[in-house]
């Protein structure tokens, strides 16, 4: 009969056998080294393993880091994915950058005479100054009434 924990037991049993065999091979190898050099070989081996672990740890830490530009891009992607309305739909498109041309019906005048300007000129003081003063005061009163 097979139980769910049997696979785990087998794994630990095989791991234990592997490490026991490894330890036996190392101790046998150390016995073949002269006694005065065993200490040096053991320390060099331990230092090598520690250095290897440090290098692997440093490489894994450095490879997992993102540059600030990558981090900002990642955060922008997250924020953009959270938005339900695309930014293109929030703003009106830019207006075209062209100005319609001007059709000149006659040549530009360098100077205007009084007779040339007369059809477009209205003298504001012809009907008196009071009419303009009343209109200005009325506009000021309307503006002041709208202020809380």
N, C-alpha and C. Protein backbone atom coordinates (compact mmCIF):
# COMPACT_ATOMS: atom_id res chain seq x y z
N UNK A 1 0.84 -1.18 0.00
CA UNK A 1 0.00 0.00 0.00
C UNK A 1 0.88 1.24 0.00
N UNK A 2 0.49 2.26 -0.77
CA UNK A 2 1.30 3.46 -0.94
C UNK A 2 0.63 4.63 -0.20
N UNK A 3 1.39 5.33 0.66
CA UNK A 3 0.89 6.48 1.41
C UNK A 3 1.51 7.77 0.85
N UNK A 4 0.84 8.91 1.03
CA UNK A 4 1.38 10.16 0.48
C UNK A 4 2.74 10.52 1.04
N UNK A 5 3.07 10.18 2.24
CA UNK A 5 4.35 10.53 2.85
C UNK A 5 5.49 9.64 2.43
N UNK A 6 5.20 8.52 1.74
CA UNK A 6 6.26 7.58 1.35
C UNK A 6 7.26 8.21 0.39
N UNK A 7 6.81 9.02 -0.54
CA UNK A 7 7.71 9.68 -1.49
C UNK A 7 8.68 10.60 -0.78
N UNK A 8 8.18 11.30 0.23
CA UNK A 8 9.01 12.22 1.00
C UNK A 8 10.04 11.44 1.82
N UNK A 9 9.62 10.30 2.39
CA UNK A 9 10.56 9.46 3.14
C UNK A 9 11.68 8.96 2.22
N UNK A 10 11.31 8.53 1.02
CA UNK A 10 12.32 8.04 0.08
C UNK A 10 13.30 9.14 -0.30
N UNK A 11 12.77 10.36 -0.50
CA UNK A 11 13.63 11.49 -0.86
C UNK A 11 14.67 11.73 0.22
N UNK A 12 14.23 11.81 1.49
CA UNK A 12 15.16 12.07 2.58
C UNK A 12 16.13 10.91 2.78
N UNK A 13 15.67 9.69 2.57
CA UNK A 13 16.55 8.53 2.71
C UNK A 13 17.66 8.58 1.65
N UNK A 14 17.28 8.91 0.38
CA UNK A 14 18.28 9.00 -0.69
C UNK A 14 19.24 10.16 -0.46
N UNK A 15 18.70 11.30 0.02
CA UNK A 15 19.56 12.46 0.30
C UNK A 15 20.55 12.12 1.41
N UNK A 16 20.08 11.45 2.45
CA UNK A 16 20.96 11.04 3.54
C UNK A 16 22.05 10.11 3.06
N UNK A 17 21.69 9.13 2.21
CA UNK A 17 22.69 8.20 1.67
C UNK A 17 23.72 8.95 0.83
N UNK A 18 23.26 9.91 0.02
CA UNK A 18 24.17 10.68 -0.83
C UNK A 18 25.18 11.45 0.02
N UNK A 19 24.68 12.17 1.05
CA UNK A 19 25.60 12.97 1.87
C UNK A 19 26.51 12.09 2.72
N UNK A 20 26.03 10.93 3.17
CA UNK A 20 26.89 10.00 3.93
C UNK A 20 28.02 9.49 3.03
N UNK A 21 27.70 9.14 1.80
CA UNK A 21 28.72 8.68 0.87
C UNK A 21 29.72 9.79 0.55
N UNK A 22 29.20 11.03 0.37
CA UNK A 22 30.07 12.16 0.08
C UNK A 22 31.03 12.40 1.25
N UNK A 23 30.50 12.35 2.47
CA UNK A 23 31.35 12.54 3.65
C UNK A 23 32.41 11.46 3.75
N UNK A 24 32.04 10.21 3.46
CA UNK A 24 33.02 9.10 3.50
C UNK A 24 34.11 9.30 2.46
N UNK A 25 33.74 9.76 1.24
CA UNK A 25 34.73 9.98 0.20
C UNK A 25 35.70 11.10 0.59
N UNK A 26 35.14 12.17 1.19
CA UNK A 26 35.99 13.29 1.60
C UNK A 26 36.95 12.85 2.71
N UNK A 27 36.43 12.12 3.70
CA UNK A 27 37.31 11.68 4.80
C UNK A 27 38.37 10.70 4.30
N UNK A 28 38.02 9.85 3.34
CA UNK A 28 39.00 8.93 2.76
C UNK A 28 40.06 9.71 2.00
N UNK A 29 39.62 10.73 1.26
CA UNK A 29 40.56 11.57 0.51
C UNK A 29 41.48 12.34 1.44
N UNK A 30 40.96 12.80 2.57
CA UNK A 30 41.80 13.52 3.53
C UNK A 30 42.84 12.60 4.17
N UNK A 31 42.53 11.32 4.33
CA UNK A 31 43.49 10.39 4.94
C UNK A 31 44.67 10.15 4.01
N UNK A 32 44.46 10.32 2.71
CA UNK A 32 45.55 10.13 1.76
C UNK A 32 46.50 11.33 1.72
N UNK A 33 46.07 12.48 2.26
CA UNK A 33 46.90 13.69 2.29
C UNK A 33 47.76 13.63 3.54
N UNK A 34 49.02 14.01 3.46
CA UNK A 34 49.88 14.00 4.66
C UNK A 34 49.29 14.85 5.78
N UNK A 35 49.54 14.44 7.01
CA UNK A 35 48.93 15.04 8.18
C UNK A 35 49.21 16.54 8.29
N UNK A 36 50.42 17.00 7.98
CA UNK A 36 50.76 18.42 8.13
C UNK A 36 50.07 19.30 7.08
N UNK A 37 49.57 18.71 5.95
CA UNK A 37 48.90 19.49 4.91
C UNK A 37 47.38 19.41 4.98
N UNK A 38 46.84 18.51 5.79
CA UNK A 38 45.38 18.34 5.87
C UNK A 38 44.68 19.63 6.28
N UNK A 39 45.23 20.29 7.28
CA UNK A 39 44.60 21.52 7.77
C UNK A 39 44.53 22.57 6.67
N UNK A 40 45.61 22.74 5.94
CA UNK A 40 45.64 23.73 4.86
C UNK A 40 44.67 23.38 3.74
N UNK A 41 44.62 22.11 3.37
CA UNK A 41 43.70 21.67 2.30
C UNK A 41 42.26 21.88 2.74
N UNK A 42 41.96 21.55 3.99
CA UNK A 42 40.60 21.70 4.51
C UNK A 42 40.20 23.18 4.55
N UNK A 43 41.08 24.05 5.01
CA UNK A 43 40.76 25.49 5.09
C UNK A 43 40.60 26.09 3.69
N UNK A 44 41.45 25.70 2.76
CA UNK A 44 41.34 26.20 1.39
C UNK A 44 40.03 25.73 0.76
N UNK A 45 39.65 24.49 1.04
CA UNK A 45 38.40 23.96 0.49
C UNK A 45 37.20 24.71 1.06
N UNK A 46 37.19 24.95 2.37
CA UNK A 46 36.09 25.67 3.01
C UNK A 46 36.02 27.11 2.48
N UNK A 47 37.19 27.76 2.35
CA UNK A 47 37.23 29.13 1.85
C UNK A 47 36.75 29.18 0.40
N UNK A 48 37.10 28.18 -0.40
CA UNK A 48 36.66 28.13 -1.80
C UNK A 48 35.15 28.00 -1.91
N UNK A 49 34.59 27.12 -1.09
CA UNK A 49 33.13 26.93 -1.10
C UNK A 49 32.43 28.21 -0.64
N UNK A 50 32.97 28.84 0.42
CA UNK A 50 32.36 30.08 0.91
C UNK A 50 32.44 31.18 -0.15
N UNK A 51 33.59 31.29 -0.82
CA UNK A 51 33.75 32.28 -1.88
C UNK A 51 32.80 32.01 -3.04
N UNK A 52 32.66 30.76 -3.40
CA UNK A 52 31.73 30.38 -4.47
C UNK A 52 30.29 30.76 -4.10
N UNK A 53 29.91 30.50 -2.85
CA UNK A 53 28.56 30.86 -2.41
C UNK A 53 28.36 32.38 -2.42
N UNK A 54 29.39 33.14 -2.00
CA UNK A 54 29.29 34.60 -2.03
C UNK A 54 29.14 35.13 -3.45
N UNK A 55 29.94 34.58 -4.35
CA UNK A 55 29.86 35.03 -5.76
C UNK A 55 28.50 34.70 -6.34
N UNK A 56 28.00 33.49 -6.11
CA UNK A 56 26.69 33.11 -6.63
C UNK A 56 25.58 33.97 -6.02
N UNK A 57 25.70 34.25 -4.72
CA UNK A 57 24.70 35.12 -4.08
C UNK A 57 24.73 36.53 -4.66
N UNK A 58 25.93 37.07 -4.87
CA UNK A 58 26.05 38.41 -5.45
C UNK A 58 25.50 38.47 -6.86
N UNK A 59 25.79 37.46 -7.64
CA UNK A 59 25.28 37.43 -9.02
C UNK A 59 23.76 37.35 -9.01
N UNK A 60 23.21 36.54 -8.14
CA UNK A 60 21.75 36.42 -8.10
C UNK A 60 21.09 37.72 -7.63
N UNK A 61 21.74 38.42 -6.69
CA UNK A 61 21.18 39.70 -6.24
C UNK A 61 21.26 40.75 -7.34
N UNK A 62 22.40 40.81 -8.02
CA UNK A 62 22.56 41.82 -9.07
C UNK A 62 21.69 41.55 -10.28
N UNK A 63 21.48 40.29 -10.60
CA UNK A 63 20.65 39.98 -11.77
C UNK A 63 19.18 40.24 -11.48
N UNK A 64 18.79 40.23 -10.23
CA UNK A 64 17.39 40.48 -9.88
C UNK A 64 17.04 41.95 -9.77
N UNK A 65 18.03 42.83 -9.70
CA UNK A 65 17.77 44.26 -9.55
C UNK A 65 17.35 44.86 -10.88
N UNK A 66 16.47 45.86 -10.76
CA UNK A 66 16.05 46.60 -11.95
C UNK A 66 16.65 47.99 -11.89
N UNK A 67 16.98 48.52 -13.04
CA UNK A 67 17.47 49.89 -13.08
C UNK A 67 16.29 50.82 -12.79
N UNK A 68 16.56 52.06 -12.37
CA UNK A 68 15.45 52.98 -12.09
C UNK A 68 14.51 53.17 -13.29
N UNK A 69 15.07 53.16 -14.50
CA UNK A 69 14.23 53.31 -15.69
C UNK A 69 13.31 52.10 -15.85
N UNK A 70 13.86 50.90 -15.61
CA UNK A 70 13.04 49.69 -15.72
C UNK A 70 11.95 49.69 -14.65
N UNK A 71 12.29 50.16 -13.44
CA UNK A 71 11.32 50.20 -12.35
C UNK A 71 10.18 51.16 -12.68
N UNK A 72 10.53 52.35 -13.21
CA UNK A 72 9.49 53.32 -13.58
C UNK A 72 8.62 52.77 -14.70
N UNK A 73 9.24 52.12 -15.67
CA UNK A 73 8.47 51.54 -16.76
C UNK A 73 7.54 50.46 -16.24
N UNK A 74 8.03 49.64 -15.30
CA UNK A 74 7.22 48.59 -14.72
C UNK A 74 6.04 49.18 -13.96
N UNK A 75 6.30 50.22 -13.17
CA UNK A 75 5.22 50.86 -12.41
C UNK A 75 4.22 51.54 -13.34
N UNK A 76 4.70 52.15 -14.41
CA UNK A 76 3.80 52.80 -15.37
C UNK A 76 2.92 51.75 -16.04
N UNK A 77 3.49 50.59 -16.35
CA UNK A 77 2.69 49.52 -16.95
C UNK A 77 1.60 49.06 -16.00
N UNK A 78 1.94 48.96 -14.71
CA UNK A 78 0.94 48.53 -13.72
C UNK A 78 -0.17 49.57 -13.62
N UNK A 79 0.22 50.86 -13.53
CA UNK A 79 -0.79 51.91 -13.43
C UNK A 79 -1.65 51.97 -14.68
N UNK A 80 -1.05 51.78 -15.83
CA UNK A 80 -1.81 51.84 -17.07
C UNK A 80 -2.77 50.66 -17.15
N UNK A 81 -2.36 49.51 -16.67
CA UNK A 81 -3.25 48.35 -16.73
C UNK A 81 -4.42 48.50 -15.76
N UNK A 82 -4.26 49.31 -14.72
CA UNK A 82 -5.35 49.52 -13.77
C UNK A 82 -6.39 50.51 -14.29
N UNK A 83 -5.98 51.37 -15.22
CA UNK A 83 -6.91 52.36 -15.75
C UNK A 83 -7.94 51.68 -16.62
N UNK A 84 -9.22 52.00 -16.37
CA UNK A 84 -10.26 51.41 -17.20
C UNK A 84 -10.51 52.25 -18.45
N UNK A 85 -10.11 53.53 -18.43
CA UNK A 85 -10.28 54.40 -19.59
C UNK A 85 -8.91 54.70 -20.16
N UNK A 86 -8.70 54.39 -21.43
CA UNK A 86 -7.39 54.71 -22.02
C UNK A 86 -7.17 56.22 -22.06
N UNK A 87 -5.93 56.67 -21.87
CA UNK A 87 -5.64 58.10 -21.86
C UNK A 87 -6.03 58.80 -23.15
N UNK A 88 -6.02 58.08 -24.27
CA UNK A 88 -6.38 58.70 -25.54
C UNK A 88 -7.83 59.16 -25.56
N UNK A 89 -8.67 58.51 -24.78
CA UNK A 89 -10.09 58.88 -24.77
C UNK A 89 -10.38 60.03 -23.79
N UNK A 90 -9.44 60.36 -22.92
CA UNK A 90 -9.68 61.42 -21.94
C UNK A 90 -9.45 62.81 -22.51
N UNK A 91 -8.61 62.95 -23.51
CA UNK A 91 -8.25 64.25 -24.03
C UNK A 91 -8.66 64.38 -25.49
N UNK A 92 -9.04 65.59 -25.85
CA UNK A 92 -9.37 65.87 -27.24
C UNK A 92 -8.09 65.83 -28.07
N UNK A 93 -8.20 65.41 -29.30
CA UNK A 93 -6.98 65.43 -30.14
C UNK A 93 -6.55 66.86 -30.42
N UNK A 94 -5.28 67.04 -30.71
CA UNK A 94 -4.75 68.36 -31.01
C UNK A 94 -5.38 68.91 -32.29
N UNK A 95 -5.50 70.22 -32.31
CA UNK A 95 -6.04 70.86 -33.50
C UNK A 95 -4.96 70.86 -34.58
N UNK A 96 -5.40 70.94 -35.83
CA UNK A 96 -4.39 70.96 -36.90
C UNK A 96 -3.52 72.20 -36.80
N UNK A 97 -2.28 72.07 -37.23
CA UNK A 97 -1.31 73.15 -37.10
C UNK A 97 -1.22 74.04 -38.35
N UNK A 98 -2.32 74.19 -39.05
CA UNK A 98 -2.24 75.05 -40.22
C UNK A 98 -3.21 76.23 -40.05
N UNK A 99 -2.86 77.31 -40.65
CA UNK A 99 -3.70 78.50 -40.65
C UNK A 99 -4.16 78.71 -42.09
N UNK A 100 -5.46 78.86 -42.28
CA UNK A 100 -5.90 79.03 -43.67
C UNK A 100 -5.28 80.27 -44.29
N UNK A 101 -5.05 80.19 -45.56
CA UNK A 101 -4.42 81.30 -46.26
C UNK A 101 -5.34 82.51 -46.36
N UNK A 102 -4.74 83.65 -46.63
CA UNK A 102 -5.48 84.91 -46.77
C UNK A 102 -5.47 85.30 -48.25
N UNK A 103 -6.66 85.58 -48.74
CA UNK A 103 -6.76 86.03 -50.12
C UNK A 103 -6.76 87.55 -50.14
N UNK A 104 -5.78 88.12 -50.76
CA UNK A 104 -5.70 89.57 -50.85
C UNK A 104 -6.49 90.02 -52.08
N UNK A 105 -7.47 90.92 -51.85
CA UNK A 105 -8.27 91.42 -52.96
C UNK A 105 -7.62 92.65 -53.60
N UNK A 106 -6.83 93.30 -52.81
CA UNK A 106 -6.13 94.47 -53.34
C UNK A 106 -4.79 94.58 -52.64
N UNK A 107 -3.96 95.44 -53.11
CA UNK A 107 -2.63 95.59 -52.53
C UNK A 107 -2.72 96.29 -51.18
N UNK A 108 -1.80 95.95 -50.32
CA UNK A 108 -1.75 96.54 -48.98
C UNK A 108 -1.34 98.01 -49.08
N UNK A 109 -2.05 98.86 -48.33
CA UNK A 109 -1.73 100.28 -48.33
C UNK A 109 -0.65 100.56 -47.30
N UNK A 110 0.23 101.43 -47.63
CA UNK A 110 1.28 101.80 -46.70
C UNK A 110 0.79 102.82 -45.69
N UNK A 111 -0.15 103.67 -46.07
CA UNK A 111 -0.68 104.69 -45.16
C UNK A 111 -2.15 104.91 -45.50
N UNK A 112 -2.94 105.19 -44.46
CA UNK A 112 -4.36 105.45 -44.64
C UNK A 112 -4.60 106.96 -44.51
N UNK A 113 -5.49 107.42 -45.35
CA UNK A 113 -5.93 108.82 -45.22
C UNK A 113 -7.20 108.85 -44.42
N UNK A 114 -7.61 110.02 -44.02
CA UNK A 114 -8.86 110.17 -43.25
C UNK A 114 -10.03 109.69 -44.09
N UNK A 115 -10.04 109.98 -45.35
CA UNK A 115 -11.14 109.55 -46.23
C UNK A 115 -11.17 108.03 -46.39
N UNK A 116 -10.00 107.37 -46.38
CA UNK A 116 -9.95 105.91 -46.50
C UNK A 116 -10.54 105.25 -45.26
N UNK A 117 -10.30 105.80 -44.08
CA UNK A 117 -10.76 105.20 -42.83
C UNK A 117 -12.18 105.60 -42.46
N UNK A 118 -12.73 106.63 -43.09
CA UNK A 118 -14.04 107.17 -42.72
C UNK A 118 -15.15 106.12 -42.72
N UNK A 119 -15.27 105.18 -43.67
CA UNK A 119 -16.39 104.23 -43.65
C UNK A 119 -16.35 103.29 -42.43
N UNK A 120 -15.18 103.08 -41.84
CA UNK A 120 -15.08 102.13 -40.70
C UNK A 120 -14.90 102.84 -39.36
N UNK A 121 -14.89 104.12 -39.35
CA UNK A 121 -14.64 104.85 -38.11
C UNK A 121 -15.94 105.45 -37.60
N UNK A 122 -16.17 105.26 -36.30
CA UNK A 122 -17.30 105.91 -35.64
C UNK A 122 -16.75 106.72 -34.48
N UNK A 123 -17.10 107.95 -34.44
CA UNK A 123 -16.62 108.81 -33.37
C UNK A 123 -17.41 108.51 -32.11
N UNK A 124 -16.79 108.02 -31.05
CA UNK A 124 -17.53 107.65 -29.84
C UNK A 124 -18.13 108.87 -29.13
N UNK A 125 -17.60 110.01 -29.35
CA UNK A 125 -18.10 111.20 -28.64
C UNK A 125 -19.12 111.98 -29.48
N UNK A 126 -19.54 111.45 -30.65
CA UNK A 126 -20.50 112.16 -31.48
C UNK A 126 -21.83 112.37 -30.76
N UNK A 127 -22.32 111.33 -30.07
CA UNK A 127 -23.59 111.45 -29.35
C UNK A 127 -23.37 111.89 -27.91
N UNK A 128 -22.18 112.19 -27.54
CA UNK A 128 -21.89 112.68 -26.20
C UNK A 128 -21.13 111.65 -25.38
N UNK A 129 -20.49 112.16 -24.36
CA UNK A 129 -19.66 111.32 -23.51
C UNK A 129 -20.49 110.53 -22.51
N UNK A 130 -21.64 111.04 -22.11
CA UNK A 130 -22.45 110.43 -21.06
C UNK A 130 -22.97 109.04 -21.45
N UNK A 131 -23.27 108.81 -22.71
CA UNK A 131 -23.77 107.50 -23.16
C UNK A 131 -22.73 106.42 -22.85
N UNK A 132 -21.47 106.69 -23.13
CA UNK A 132 -20.41 105.72 -22.88
C UNK A 132 -20.16 105.54 -21.39
N UNK A 133 -20.25 106.61 -20.63
CA UNK A 133 -20.07 106.50 -19.17
C UNK A 133 -21.16 105.63 -18.56
N UNK A 134 -22.41 105.82 -19.00
CA UNK A 134 -23.53 105.01 -18.47
C UNK A 134 -23.33 103.53 -18.80
N UNK A 135 -22.90 103.26 -20.01
CA UNK A 135 -22.70 101.87 -20.42
C UNK A 135 -21.55 101.23 -19.61
N UNK A 136 -20.49 101.95 -19.37
CA UNK A 136 -19.36 101.43 -18.58
C UNK A 136 -19.77 101.20 -17.14
N UNK A 137 -20.50 102.12 -16.54
CA UNK A 137 -20.94 101.96 -15.15
C UNK A 137 -21.91 100.78 -15.02
N UNK A 138 -22.77 100.58 -16.02
CA UNK A 138 -23.70 99.45 -15.98
C UNK A 138 -22.94 98.12 -16.00
N UNK A 139 -21.91 98.04 -16.85
CA UNK A 139 -21.09 96.82 -16.92
C UNK A 139 -20.36 96.57 -15.61
N UNK A 140 -19.83 97.64 -15.02
CA UNK A 140 -19.13 97.50 -13.72
C UNK A 140 -20.09 97.04 -12.64
N UNK A 141 -21.31 97.57 -12.62
CA UNK A 141 -22.30 97.17 -11.62
C UNK A 141 -22.65 95.67 -11.78
N UNK A 142 -22.80 95.22 -13.02
CA UNK A 142 -23.11 93.79 -13.24
C UNK A 142 -21.98 92.89 -12.74
N UNK A 143 -20.76 93.31 -13.00
CA UNK A 143 -19.60 92.52 -12.55
C UNK A 143 -19.55 92.49 -11.02
N UNK A 144 -19.76 93.63 -10.39
CA UNK A 144 -19.68 93.69 -8.92
C UNK A 144 -20.82 92.92 -8.25
N UNK A 145 -21.99 92.85 -8.88
CA UNK A 145 -23.11 92.09 -8.32
C UNK A 145 -22.84 90.59 -8.35
N UNK A 146 -22.05 90.13 -9.30
CA UNK A 146 -21.78 88.70 -9.40
C UNK A 146 -20.70 88.25 -8.39
N UNK A 147 -20.00 89.21 -7.79
CA UNK A 147 -18.96 88.86 -6.81
C UNK A 147 -19.63 88.60 -5.46
N UNK A 148 -19.35 87.46 -4.82
CA UNK A 148 -20.00 87.17 -3.52
C UNK A 148 -19.48 88.05 -2.39
